[in-house]
Each structure stands twice: as C-alpha cells, then as structure tokens.
Amino acid sequence: MSDERIYDDDDAVKFIRNYLPQEMKENLSDDDILYIIDVIYDFYGANGFFDGDGDDDSVVEIDEELLIQYVEKNAGKDGIRHFEPDEITLIVQGELEYCDSIHLFE
C-alpha cells in the first residue's frame, strides 16, 4: 500500500486545525482555512507546480517565505475577511505540513 494520498480539502482543514494554536482555532472558520488553501493553490498553479507530467522523481522545493508573501498579498481580495499575518503564516505552514504528510510534491 502506498503512503501517498490524494489531496482532500476536508482532511487538509482538519490537519491545519490541529496545527493551529487554540486561540486561532476559535477565531478561524473552516471556510476561512479553505479560502487560504485556495489562495495557496493559486500560488502553486502560478508557479507551475502542477505542470509536471508525473514521471519526474524530483522533489518540488517550495519557498515558504515567497508563498506566505503571495498569500498575504492576495488573501482578502475577495472581501472574505482580514487575515492577520500570523494566521496566514500558520495556515501556510500547516498546509505545507499536510502536503508533506501525503507526499504530494514527492
């Protein structure tokens, strides 16, 4: 059985919620987290992380700081809500940990 799993939004939200400190868990809805995940995936798409043909055994390196800057710049453009920088940072870090846990970019 493979360690790899398909990305699941519900699992990602649960994983990220467990990654967040309690106070942040109380202040963020699942929809808030899903919105940030959508912005993260915009970054992945804009940077060609999904353009591969799947035959390459290389590991994708994601610049976490660049990703956080992208999310900070683009989060909230849709008027969802104002996200604090520490909320964005921890959600991004949690999402990256989730991706690692399912071997998404390996």
PDB file of N, CA and C in Angstrom:
ATOM      1  N   MET A   1       0.834  -1.179   0.000  1.00  0.00           N
ATOM      2  CA  MET A   1       0.000   0.000   0.000  1.00  0.00           C
ATOM      3  C   MET A   1       0.880   1.243   0.000  1.00  0.00           C
ATOM      4  N   SER A   2       0.568   2.200  -0.801  1.00  0.00           N
ATOM      5  CA  SER A   2       1.351   3.414  -0.949  1.00  0.00           C
ATOM      6  C   SER A   2       1.091   4.373   0.198  1.00  0.00           C
ATOM      7  N   ASP A   3       2.151   5.141   0.564  1.00  0.00           N
ATOM      8  CA  ASP A   3       1.992   6.189   1.570  1.00  0.00           C
ATOM      9  C   ASP A   3       1.311   7.410   0.985  1.00  0.00           C
ATOM     10  N   GLU A   4       1.260   7.496  -0.332  1.00  0.00           N
ATOM     11  CA  GLU A   4       0.725   8.674  -0.992  1.00  0.00           C
ATOM     12  C   GLU A   4      -0.804   8.669  -0.959  1.00  0.00           C
ATOM     13  N   ARG A   5      -1.350   9.849  -0.753  1.00  0.00           N
ATOM     14  CA  ARG A   5      -2.793  10.011  -0.778  1.00  0.00           C
ATOM     15  C   ARG A   5      -3.125  11.178  -1.680  1.00  0.00           C
ATOM     16  N   ILE A   6      -4.340  11.220  -2.077  1.00  0.00           N
ATOM     17  CA  ILE A   6      -4.817  12.350  -2.871  1.00  0.00           C
ATOM     18  C   ILE A   6      -5.180  13.468  -1.909  1.00  0.00           C
ATOM     19  N   TYR A   7      -4.912  14.707  -2.332  1.00  0.00           N
ATOM     20  CA  TYR A   7      -5.221  15.870  -1.511  1.00  0.00           C
ATOM     21  C   TYR A   7      -6.722  15.929  -1.278  1.00  0.00           C
ATOM     22  N   ASP A   8      -7.105  16.044  -0.039  1.00  0.00           N
ATOM     23  CA  ASP A   8      -8.512  16.123   0.335  1.00  0.00           C
ATOM     24  C   ASP A   8      -8.706  17.389   1.161  1.00  0.00           C
ATOM     25  N   ASP A   9      -9.553  18.296   0.691  1.00  0.00           N
ATOM     26  CA  ASP A   9      -9.760  19.573   1.379  1.00  0.00           C
ATOM     27  C   ASP A   9     -10.212  19.384   2.827  1.00  0.00           C
ATOM     28  N   ASP A  10     -11.138  18.465   3.063  1.00  0.00           N
ATOM     29  CA  ASP A  10     -11.629  18.245   4.427  1.00  0.00           C
ATOM     30  C   ASP A  10     -10.514  17.753   5.339  1.00  0.00           C
ATOM     31  N   ASP A  11      -9.688  16.815   4.840  1.00  0.00           N
ATOM     32  CA  ASP A  11      -8.555  16.325   5.624  1.00  0.00           C
ATOM     33  C   ASP A  11      -7.542  17.435   5.865  1.00  0.00           C
ATOM     34  N   ALA A  12      -7.329  18.273   4.841  1.00  0.00           N
ATOM     35  CA  ALA A  12      -6.384  19.383   4.984  1.00  0.00           C
ATOM     36  C   ALA A  12      -6.849  20.350   6.061  1.00  0.00           C
ATOM     37  N   VAL A  13      -8.128  20.680   6.069  1.00  0.00           N
ATOM     38  CA  VAL A  13      -8.663  21.593   7.084  1.00  0.00           C
ATOM     39  C   VAL A  13      -8.494  20.989   8.476  1.00  0.00           C
ATOM     40  N   LYS A  14      -8.809  19.717   8.643  1.00  0.00           N
ATOM     41  CA  LYS A  14      -8.640  19.055   9.943  1.00  0.00           C
ATOM     42  C   LYS A  14      -7.180  19.074  10.377  1.00  0.00           C
ATOM     43  N   PHE A  15      -6.291  18.771   9.437  1.00  0.00           N
ATOM     44  CA  PHE A  15      -4.861  18.756   9.728  1.00  0.00           C
ATOM     45  C   PHE A  15      -4.399  20.143  10.168  1.00  0.00           C
ATOM     46  N   ILE A  16      -4.784  21.162   9.408  1.00  0.00           N
ATOM     47  CA  ILE A  16      -4.384  22.532   9.719  1.00  0.00           C
ATOM     48  C   ILE A  16      -4.961  22.976  11.056  1.00  0.00           C
ATOM     49  N   ARG A  17      -6.214  22.638  11.326  1.00  0.00           N
ATOM     50  CA  ARG A  17      -6.820  22.987  12.622  1.00  0.00           C
ATOM     51  C   ARG A  17      -5.991  22.416  13.778  1.00  0.00           C
ATOM     52  N   ASN A  18      -5.527  21.187  13.626  1.00  0.00           N
ATOM     53  CA  ASN A  18      -4.703  20.567  14.666  1.00  0.00           C
ATOM     54  C   ASN A  18      -3.348  21.255  14.782  1.00  0.00           C
ATOM     55  N   TYR A  19      -2.907  21.902  13.728  1.00  0.00           N
ATOM     56  CA  TYR A  19      -1.616  22.588  13.691  1.00  0.00           C
ATOM     57  C   TYR A  19      -1.687  23.950  14.377  1.00  0.00           C
ATOM     58  N   LEU A  20      -2.862  24.543  14.396  1.00  0.00           N
ATOM     59  CA  LEU A  20      -3.036  25.909  14.907  1.00  0.00           C
ATOM     60  C   LEU A  20      -3.128  25.940  16.431  1.00  0.00           C
ATOM     61  N   PRO A  21      -2.673  27.052  17.041  1.00  0.00           N
ATOM     62  CA  PRO A  21      -2.897  27.222  18.478  1.00  0.00           C
ATOM     63  C   PRO A  21      -4.388  27.388  18.775  1.00  0.00           C
ATOM     64  N   GLN A  22      -4.795  27.056  19.985  1.00  0.00           N
ATOM     65  CA  GLN A  22      -6.211  27.052  20.361  1.00  0.00           C
ATOM     66  C   GLN A  22      -6.912  28.378  20.066  1.00  0.00           C
ATOM     67  N   GLU A  23      -6.290  29.488  20.410  1.00  0.00           N
ATOM     68  CA  GLU A  23      -6.918  30.793  20.191  1.00  0.00           C
ATOM     69  C   GLU A  23      -7.219  31.020  18.706  1.00  0.00           C
ATOM     70  N   MET A  24      -6.305  30.588  17.865  1.00  0.00           N
ATOM     71  CA  MET A  24      -6.507  30.769  16.427  1.00  0.00           C
ATOM     72  C   MET A  24      -7.607  29.839  15.913  1.00  0.00           C
ATOM     73  N   LYS A  25      -7.669  28.645  16.467  1.00  0.00           N
ATOM     74  CA  LYS A  25      -8.725  27.701  16.076  1.00  0.00           C
ATOM     75  C   LYS A  25     -10.102  28.311  16.298  1.00  0.00           C
ATOM     76  N   GLU A  26     -10.231  29.045  17.399  1.00  0.00           N
ATOM     77  CA  GLU A  26     -11.516  29.641  17.754  1.00  0.00           C
ATOM     78  C   GLU A  26     -11.872  30.830  16.860  1.00  0.00           C
ATOM     79  N   ASN A  27     -10.868  31.488  16.303  1.00  0.00           N
ATOM     80  CA  ASN A  27     -11.097  32.692  15.501  1.00  0.00           C
ATOM     81  C   ASN A  27     -11.215  32.429  14.001  1.00  0.00           C
ATOM     82  N   LEU A  28     -10.884  31.226  13.568  1.00  0.00           N
ATOM     83  CA  LEU A  28     -10.918  30.905  12.138  1.00  0.00           C
ATOM     84  C   LEU A  28     -11.970  29.842  11.860  1.00  0.00           C
ATOM     85  N   SER A  29     -12.800  30.095  10.873  1.00  0.00           N
ATOM     86  CA  SER A  29     -13.778  29.083  10.455  1.00  0.00           C
ATOM     87  C   SER A  29     -13.122  28.137   9.450  1.00  0.00           C
ATOM     88  N   ASP A  30     -13.782  27.024   9.210  1.00  0.00           N
ATOM     89  CA  ASP A  30     -13.309  26.108   8.169  1.00  0.00           C
ATOM     90  C   ASP A  30     -13.280  26.814   6.814  1.00  0.00           C
ATOM     91  N   ASP A  31     -14.269  27.668   6.564  1.00  0.00           N
ATOM     92  CA  ASP A  31     -14.304  28.416   5.303  1.00  0.00           C
ATOM     93  C   ASP A  31     -13.115  29.370   5.188  1.00  0.00           C
ATOM     94  N   ASP A  32     -12.691  29.975   6.299  1.00  0.00           N
ATOM     95  CA  ASP A  32     -11.500  30.834   6.279  1.00  0.00           C
ATOM     96  C   ASP A  32     -10.269  30.032   5.860  1.00  0.00           C
ATOM     97  N   ILE A  33     -10.116  28.857   6.458  1.00  0.00           N
ATOM     98  CA  ILE A  33      -8.966  27.996   6.144  1.00  0.00           C
ATOM     99  C   ILE A  33      -9.033  27.539   4.697  1.00  0.00           C
ATOM    100  N   LEU A  34     -10.219  27.138   4.243  1.00  0.00           N
ATOM    101  CA  LEU A  34     -10.375  26.712   2.843  1.00  0.00           C
ATOM    102  C   LEU A  34     -10.051  27.848   1.876  1.00  0.00           C
ATOM    103  N   TYR A  35     -10.427  29.054   2.233  1.00  0.00           N
ATOM    104  CA  TYR A  35     -10.114  30.197   1.381  1.00  0.00           C
ATOM    105  C   TYR A  35      -8.598  30.361   1.245  1.00  0.00           C
ATOM    106  N   ILE A  36      -7.880  30.270   2.371  1.00  0.00           N
ATOM    107  CA  ILE A  36      -6.413  30.383   2.316  1.00  0.00           C
ATOM    108  C   ILE A  36      -5.825  29.228   1.515  1.00  0.00           C
ATOM    109  N   ILE A  37      -6.368  28.025   1.661  1.00  0.00           N
ATOM    110  CA  ILE A  37      -5.907  26.892   0.853  1.00  0.00           C
ATOM    111  C   ILE A  37      -6.088  27.202  -0.634  1.00  0.00           C
ATOM    112  N   ASP A  38      -7.215  27.803  -1.006  1.00  0.00           N
ATOM    113  CA  ASP A  38      -7.444  28.177  -2.406  1.00  0.00           C
ATOM    114  C   ASP A  38      -6.398  29.165  -2.894  1.00  0.00           C
ATOM    115  N   VAL A  39      -6.042  30.136  -2.066  1.00  0.00           N
ATOM    116  CA  VAL A  39      -5.014  31.108  -2.447  1.00  0.00           C
ATOM    117  C   VAL A  39      -3.662  30.402  -2.583  1.00  0.00           C
ATOM    118  N   ILE A  40      -3.372  29.469  -1.687  1.00  0.00           N
ATOM    119  CA  ILE A  40      -2.134  28.693  -1.775  1.00  0.00           C
ATOM    120  C   ILE A  40      -2.095  27.930  -3.102  1.00  0.00           C
ATOM    121  N   TYR A  41      -3.220  27.326  -3.465  1.00  0.00           N
ATOM    122  CA  TYR A  41      -3.250  26.576  -4.717  1.00  0.00           C
ATOM    123  C   TYR A  41      -3.139  27.492  -5.934  1.00  0.00           C
ATOM    124  N   ASP A  42      -3.603  28.721  -5.827  1.00  0.00           N
ATOM    125  CA  ASP A  42      -3.351  29.694  -6.893  1.00  0.00           C
ATOM    126  C   ASP A  42      -1.849  29.897  -7.058  1.00  0.00           C
ATOM    127  N   PHE A  43      -1.138  29.998  -5.935  1.00  0.00           N
ATOM    128  CA  PHE A  43       0.317  30.140  -5.961  1.00  0.00           C
ATOM    129  C   PHE A  43       0.960  28.926  -6.625  1.00  0.00           C
ATOM    130  N   TYR A  44       0.537  27.727  -6.227  1.00  0.00           N
ATOM    131  CA  TYR A  44       1.099  26.505  -6.820  1.00  0.00           C
ATOM    132  C   TYR A  44       0.895  26.501  -8.334  1.00  0.00           C
ATOM    133  N   GLY A  45      -0.309  26.856  -8.768  1.00  0.00           N
ATOM    134  CA  GLY A  45      -0.599  26.884 -10.199  1.00  0.00           C
ATOM    135  C   GLY A  45       0.194  27.949 -10.927  1.00  0.00           C
ATOM    136  N   ALA A  46       0.287  29.138 -10.342  1.00  0.00           N
ATOM    137  CA  ALA A  46       1.018  30.243 -10.971  1.00  0.00           C
ATOM    138  C   ALA A  46       2.506  29.955 -11.079  1.00  0.00           C
ATOM    139  N   ASN A  47       3.015  29.077 -10.226  1.00  0.00           N
ATOM    140  CA  ASN A  47       4.438  28.756 -10.232  1.00  0.00           C
ATOM    141  C   ASN A  47       4.749  27.416 -10.870  1.00  0.00           C
ATOM    142  N   GLY A  48       3.755  26.824 -11.530  1.00  0.00           N
ATOM    143  CA  GLY A  48       3.985  25.622 -12.325  1.00  0.00           C
ATOM    144  C   GLY A  48       4.178  24.336 -11.560  1.00  0.00           C
ATOM    145  N   PHE A  49       3.743  24.287 -10.296  1.00  0.00           N
ATOM    146  CA  PHE A  49       3.929  23.071  -9.514  1.00  0.00           C
ATOM    147  C   PHE A  49       3.050  21.913  -9.979  1.00  0.00           C
ATOM    148  N   PHE A  50       2.042  22.206 -10.776  1.00  0.00           N
ATOM    149  CA  PHE A  50       1.162  21.146 -11.278  1.00  0.00           C
ATOM    150  C   PHE A  50       1.371  20.886 -12.760  1.00  0.00           C
ATOM    151  N   ASP A  51       2.408  21.487 -13.338  1.00  0.00           N
ATOM    152  CA  ASP A  51       2.643  21.347 -14.766  1.00  0.00           C
ATOM    153  C   ASP A  51       3.417  20.094 -15.134  1.00  0.00           C
ATOM    154  N   GLY A  52       3.996  19.407 -14.155  1.00  0.00           N
ATOM    155  CA  GLY A  52       4.796  18.220 -14.428  1.00  0.00           C
ATOM    156  C   GLY A  52       3.956  17.085 -14.966  1.00  0.00           C
ATOM    157  N   ASP A  53       4.651  16.141 -15.606  1.00  0.00           N
ATOM    158  CA  ASP A  53       3.947  15.004 -16.188  1.00  0.00           C
ATOM    159  C   ASP A  53       3.886  13.813 -15.246  1.00  0.00           C
ATOM    160  N   GLY A  54       4.443  13.962 -14.037  1.00  0.00           N
ATOM    161  CA  GLY A  54       4.359  12.881 -13.059  1.00  0.00           C
ATOM    162  C   GLY A  54       5.432  11.834 -13.205  1.00  0.00           C
ATOM    163  N   ASP A  55       6.269  11.906 -14.263  1.00  0.00           N
ATOM    164  CA  ASP A  55       7.309  10.914 -14.470  1.00  0.00           C
ATOM    165  C   ASP A  55       8.612  11.287 -13.788  1.00  0.00           C
ATOM    166  N   ASP A  56       8.724  12.492 -13.309  1.00  0.00           N
ATOM    167  CA  ASP A  56       9.940  13.001 -12.690  1.00  0.00           C
ATOM    168  C   ASP A  56       9.964  12.592 -11.223  1.00  0.00           C
ATOM    169  N   ASP A  57      11.087  12.043 -10.765  1.00  0.00           N
ATOM    170  CA  ASP A  57      11.217  11.620  -9.376  1.00  0.00           C
ATOM    171  C   ASP A  57      11.738  12.726  -8.466  1.00  0.00           C
ATOM    172  N   SER A  58      11.893  13.932  -9.005  1.00  0.00           N
ATOM    173  CA  SER A  58      12.439  15.018  -8.202  1.00  0.00           C
ATOM    174  C   SER A  58      11.409  15.513  -7.187  1.00  0.00           C
ATOM    175  N   VAL A  59      11.921  16.108  -6.131  1.00  0.00           N
ATOM    176  CA  VAL A  59      11.085  16.680  -5.083  1.00  0.00           C
ATOM    177  C   VAL A  59      10.930  18.170  -5.372  1.00  0.00           C
ATOM    178  N   VAL A  60       9.721  18.666  -5.296  1.00  0.00           N
ATOM    179  CA  VAL A  60       9.447  20.083  -5.527  1.00  0.00           C
ATOM    180  C   VAL A  60       9.861  20.865  -4.285  1.00  0.00           C
ATOM    181  N   GLU A  61      10.615  21.924  -4.490  1.00  0.00           N
ATOM    182  CA  GLU A  61      11.006  22.803  -3.393  1.00  0.00           C
ATOM    183  C   GLU A  61      10.128  24.055  -3.434  1.00  0.00           C
ATOM    184  N   ILE A  62       9.424  24.315  -2.362  1.00  0.00           N
ATOM    185  CA  ILE A  62       8.545  25.480  -2.278  1.00  0.00           C
ATOM    186  C   ILE A  62       9.176  26.481  -1.323  1.00  0.00           C
ATOM    187  N   ASP A  63       9.352  27.706  -1.802  1.00  0.00           N
ATOM    188  CA  ASP A  63       9.897  28.773  -0.974  1.00  0.00           C
ATOM    189  C   ASP A  63       8.787  29.251  -0.047  1.00  0.00           C
ATOM    190  N   GLU A  64       8.876  28.864   1.209  1.00  0.00           N
ATOM    191  CA  GLU A  64       7.814  29.173   2.172  1.00  0.00           C
ATOM    192  C   GLU A  64       7.610  30.678   2.333  1.00  0.00           C
ATOM    193  N   GLU A  65       8.679  31.434   2.385  1.00  0.00           N
ATOM    194  CA  GLU A  65       8.553  32.883   2.550  1.00  0.00           C
ATOM    195  C   GLU A  65       7.852  33.513   1.347  1.00  0.00           C
ATOM    196  N   LEU A  66       8.204  33.065   0.147  1.00  0.00           N
ATOM    197  CA  LEU A  66       7.562  33.573  -1.060  1.00  0.00           C
ATOM    198  C   LEU A  66       6.078  33.215  -1.075  1.00  0.00           C
ATOM    199  N   LEU A  67       5.764  32.005  -0.649  1.00  0.00           N
ATOM    200  CA  LEU A  67       4.371  31.566  -0.576  1.00  0.00           C
ATOM    201  C   LEU A  67       3.596  32.418   0.430  1.00  0.00           C
ATOM    202  N   ILE A  68       4.162  32.651   1.592  1.00  0.00           N
ATOM    203  CA  ILE A  68       3.496  33.462   2.613  1.00  0.00           C
ATOM    204  C   ILE A  68       3.260  34.876   2.091  1.00  0.00           C
ATOM    205  N   GLN A  69       4.261  35.447   1.424  1.00  0.00           N
ATOM    206  CA  GLN A  69       4.110  36.792   0.856  1.00  0.00           C
ATOM    207  C   GLN A  69       2.987  36.821  -0.177  1.00  0.00           C
ATOM    208  N   TYR A  70       2.914  35.798  -1.017  1.00  0.00           N
ATOM    209  CA  TYR A  70       1.865  35.712  -2.031  1.00  0.00           C
ATOM    210  C   TYR A  70       0.487  35.662  -1.368  1.00  0.00           C
ATOM    211  N   VAL A  71       0.357  34.821  -0.346  1.00  0.00           N
ATOM    212  CA  VAL A  71      -0.931  34.676   0.332  1.00  0.00           C
ATOM    213  C   VAL A  71      -1.305  35.979   1.035  1.00  0.00           C
ATOM    214  N   GLU A  72      -0.327  36.612   1.699  1.00  0.00           N
ATOM    215  CA  GLU A  72      -0.617  37.890   2.367  1.00  0.00           C
ATOM    216  C   GLU A  72      -1.096  38.934   1.365  1.00  0.00           C
ATOM    217  N   LYS A  73      -0.472  38.953   0.196  1.00  0.00           N
ATOM    218  CA  LYS A  73      -0.831  39.925  -0.838  1.00  0.00           C
ATOM    219  C   LYS A  73      -2.227  39.657  -1.407  1.00  0.00           C
ATOM    220  N   ASN A  74      -2.569  38.389  -1.567  1.00  0.00           N
ATOM    221  CA  ASN A  74      -3.794  38.027  -2.269  1.00  0.00           C
ATOM    222  C   ASN A  74      -4.972  37.651  -1.373  1.00  0.00           C
ATOM    223  N   ALA A  75      -4.722  37.301  -0.135  1.00  0.00           N
ATOM    224  CA  ALA A  75      -5.807  36.916   0.777  1.00  0.00           C
ATOM    225  C   ALA A  75      -6.669  38.132   1.065  1.00  0.00           C
ATOM    226  N   GLY A  76      -7.928  37.923   1.036  1.00  0.00           N
ATOM    227  CA  GLY A  76      -8.844  39.005   1.357  1.00  0.00           C
ATOM    228  C   GLY A  76      -9.248  39.853   0.174  1.00  0.00           C
ATOM    229  N   LYS A  77      -8.646  39.621  -0.991  1.00  0.00           N
ATOM    230  CA  LYS A  77      -9.040  40.400  -2.169  1.00  0.00           C
ATOM    231  C   LYS A  77     -10.510  40.195  -2.504  1.00  0.00           C
ATOM    232  N   ASP A  78     -11.021  39.038  -2.129  1.00  0.00           N
ATOM    233  CA  ASP A  78     -12.425  38.732  -2.399  1.00  0.00           C
ATOM    234  C   ASP A  78     -13.338  39.255  -1.298  1.00  0.00           C
ATOM    235  N   GLY A  79     -12.777  39.976  -0.341  1.00  0.00           N
ATOM    236  CA  GLY A  79     -13.579  40.543   0.733  1.00  0.00           C
ATOM    237  C   GLY A  79     -14.045  39.524   1.751  1.00  0.00           C
ATOM    238  N   ILE A  80     -13.379  38.381   1.816  1.00  0.00           N
ATOM    239  CA  ILE A  80     -13.776  37.338   2.775  1.00  0.00           C
ATOM    240  C   ILE A  80     -13.627  37.856   4.202  1.00  0.00           C
ATOM    241  N   ARG A  81     -12.427  38.292   4.546  1.00  0.00           N
ATOM    242  CA  ARG A  81     -12.140  38.873   5.862  1.00  0.00           C
ATOM    243  C   ARG A  81     -10.696  39.321   5.867  1.00  0.00           C
ATOM    244  N   HIS A  82     -10.324  40.073   6.869  1.00  0.00           N
ATOM    245  CA  HIS A  82      -8.921  40.455   7.041  1.00  0.00           C
ATOM    246  C   HIS A  82      -8.221  39.342   7.814  1.00  0.00           C
ATOM    247  N   PHE A  83      -7.119  38.865   7.264  1.00  0.00           N
ATOM    248  CA  PHE A  83      -6.327  37.840   7.937  1.00  0.00           C
ATOM    249  C   PHE A  83      -5.082  38.490   8.525  1.00  0.00           C
ATOM    250  N   GLU A  84      -4.793  38.163   9.763  1.00  0.00           N
ATOM    251  CA  GLU A  84      -3.569  38.636  10.408  1.00  0.00           C
ATOM    252  C   GLU A  84      -2.377  37.878   9.822  1.00  0.00           C
ATOM    253  N   PRO A  85      -1.209  38.522   9.757  1.00  0.00           N
ATOM    254  CA  PRO A  85      -0.027  37.843   9.212  1.00  0.00           C
ATOM    255  C   PRO A  85       0.303  36.525   9.912  1.00  0.00           C
ATOM    256  N   ASP A  86       0.136  36.461  11.235  1.00  0.00           N
ATOM    257  CA  ASP A  86       0.442  35.208  11.930  1.00  0.00           C
ATOM    258  C   ASP A  86      -0.570  34.110  11.593  1.00  0.00           C
ATOM    259  N   GLU A  87      -1.816  34.486  11.314  1.00  0.00           N
ATOM    260  CA  GLU A  87      -2.811  33.497  10.882  1.00  0.00           C
ATOM    261  C   GLU A  87      -2.396  32.909   9.540  1.00  0.00           C
ATOM    262  N   ILE A  88      -2.022  33.784   8.621  1.00  0.00           N
ATOM    263  CA  ILE A  88      -1.604  33.331   7.296  1.00  0.00           C
ATOM    264  C   ILE A  88      -0.378  32.437   7.400  1.00  0.00           C
ATOM    265  N   THR A  89       0.604  32.879   8.173  1.00  0.00           N
ATOM    266  CA  THR A  89       1.838  32.096   8.311  1.00  0.00           C
ATOM    267  C   THR A  89       1.550  30.701   8.842  1.00  0.00           C
ATOM    268  N   LEU A  90       0.757  30.593   9.884  1.00  0.00           N
ATOM    269  CA  LEU A  90       0.486  29.282  10.464  1.00  0.00           C
ATOM    270  C   LEU A  90      -0.386  28.409   9.571  1.00  0.00           C
ATOM    271  N   ILE A  91      -1.335  28.999   8.867  1.00  0.00           N
ATOM    272  CA  ILE A  91      -2.141  28.205   7.933  1.00  0.00           C
ATOM    273  C   ILE A  91      -1.256  27.698   6.798  1.00  0.00           C
ATOM    274  N   VAL A  92      -0.392  28.554   6.254  1.00  0.00           N
ATOM    275  CA  VAL A  92       0.519  28.131   5.184  1.00  0.00           C
ATOM    276  C   VAL A  92       1.432  27.017   5.691  1.00  0.00           C
ATOM    277  N   GLN A  93       2.016  27.188   6.864  1.00  0.00           N
ATOM    278  CA  GLN A  93       2.892  26.155   7.413  1.00  0.00           C
ATOM    279  C   GLN A  93       2.136  24.847   7.637  1.00  0.00           C
ATOM    280  N   GLY A  94       0.913  24.938   8.141  1.00  0.00           N
ATOM    281  CA  GLY A  94       0.095  23.743   8.334  1.00  0.00           C
ATOM    282  C   GLY A  94      -0.239  23.057   7.023  1.00  0.00           C
ATOM    283  N   GLU A  95      -0.530  23.859   5.992  1.00  0.00           N
ATOM    284  CA  GLU A  95      -0.846  23.289   4.678  1.00  0.00           C
ATOM    285  C   GLU A  95       0.378  22.603   4.096  1.00  0.00           C
ATOM    286  N   LEU A  96       1.551  23.205   4.238  1.00  0.00           N
ATOM    287  CA  LEU A  96       2.786  22.578   3.752  1.00  0.00           C
ATOM    288  C   LEU A  96       3.069  21.270   4.489  1.00  0.00           C
ATOM    289  N   GLU A  97       2.803  21.254   5.795  1.00  0.00           N
ATOM    290  CA  GLU A  97       2.966  20.023   6.577  1.00  0.00           C
ATOM    291  C   GLU A  97       1.989  18.948   6.105  1.00  0.00           C
ATOM    292  N   TYR A  98       0.764  19.362   5.803  1.00  0.00           N
ATOM    293  CA  TYR A  98      -0.219  18.407   5.276  1.00  0.00           C
ATOM    294  C   TYR A  98       0.279  17.828   3.952  1.00  0.00           C
ATOM    295  N   CYS A  99       0.759  18.685   3.060  1.00  0.00           N
ATOM    296  CA  CYS A  99       1.295  18.213   1.772  1.00  0.00           C
ATOM    297  C   CYS A  99       2.432  17.227   1.983  1.00  0.00           C
ATOM    298  N   ASP A 100       3.319  17.519   2.938  1.00  0.00           N
ATOM    299  CA  ASP A 100       4.410  16.602   3.247  1.00  0.00           C
ATOM    300  C   ASP A 100       3.874  15.273   3.757  1.00  0.00           C
ATOM    301  N   SER A 101       2.827  15.333   4.585  1.00  0.00           N
ATOM    302  CA  SER A 101       2.294  14.113   5.188  1.00  0.00           C
ATOM    303  C   SER A 101       1.681  13.174   4.147  1.00  0.00           C
ATOM    304  N   ILE A 102       1.225  13.730   3.032  1.00  0.00           N
ATOM    305  CA  ILE A 102       0.647  12.886   1.976  1.00  0.00           C
ATOM    306  C   ILE A 102       1.600  12.731   0.792  1.00  0.00           C
ATOM    307  N   HIS A 103       2.808  13.268   0.950  1.00  0.00           N
ATOM    308  CA  HIS A 103       3.843  13.147  -0.090  1.00  0.00           C
ATOM    309  C   HIS A 103       3.371  13.746  -1.411  1.00  0.00           C
ATOM    310  N   LEU A 104       2.710  14.887  -1.344  1.00  0.00           N
ATOM    311  CA  LEU A 104       2.108  15.492  -2.530  1.00  0.00           C
ATOM    312  C   LEU A 104       3.127  15.915  -3.570  1.00  0.00           C
ATOM    313  N   PHE A 105       4.240  16.466  -3.131  1.00  0.00           N
ATOM    314  CA  PHE A 105       5.221  17.005  -4.077  1.00  0.00           C
ATOM    315  C   PHE A 105       6.466  16.139  -4.199  1.00  0.00           C
ATOM    316  N   GLU A 106       6.362  14.895  -3.815  1.00  0.00           N
ATOM    317  CA  GLU A 106       7.499  13.987  -3.949  1.00  0.00           C
ATOM    318  C   GLU A 106       7.315  13.075  -5.137  1.00  0.00           C
TER     319      GLU A 106
END
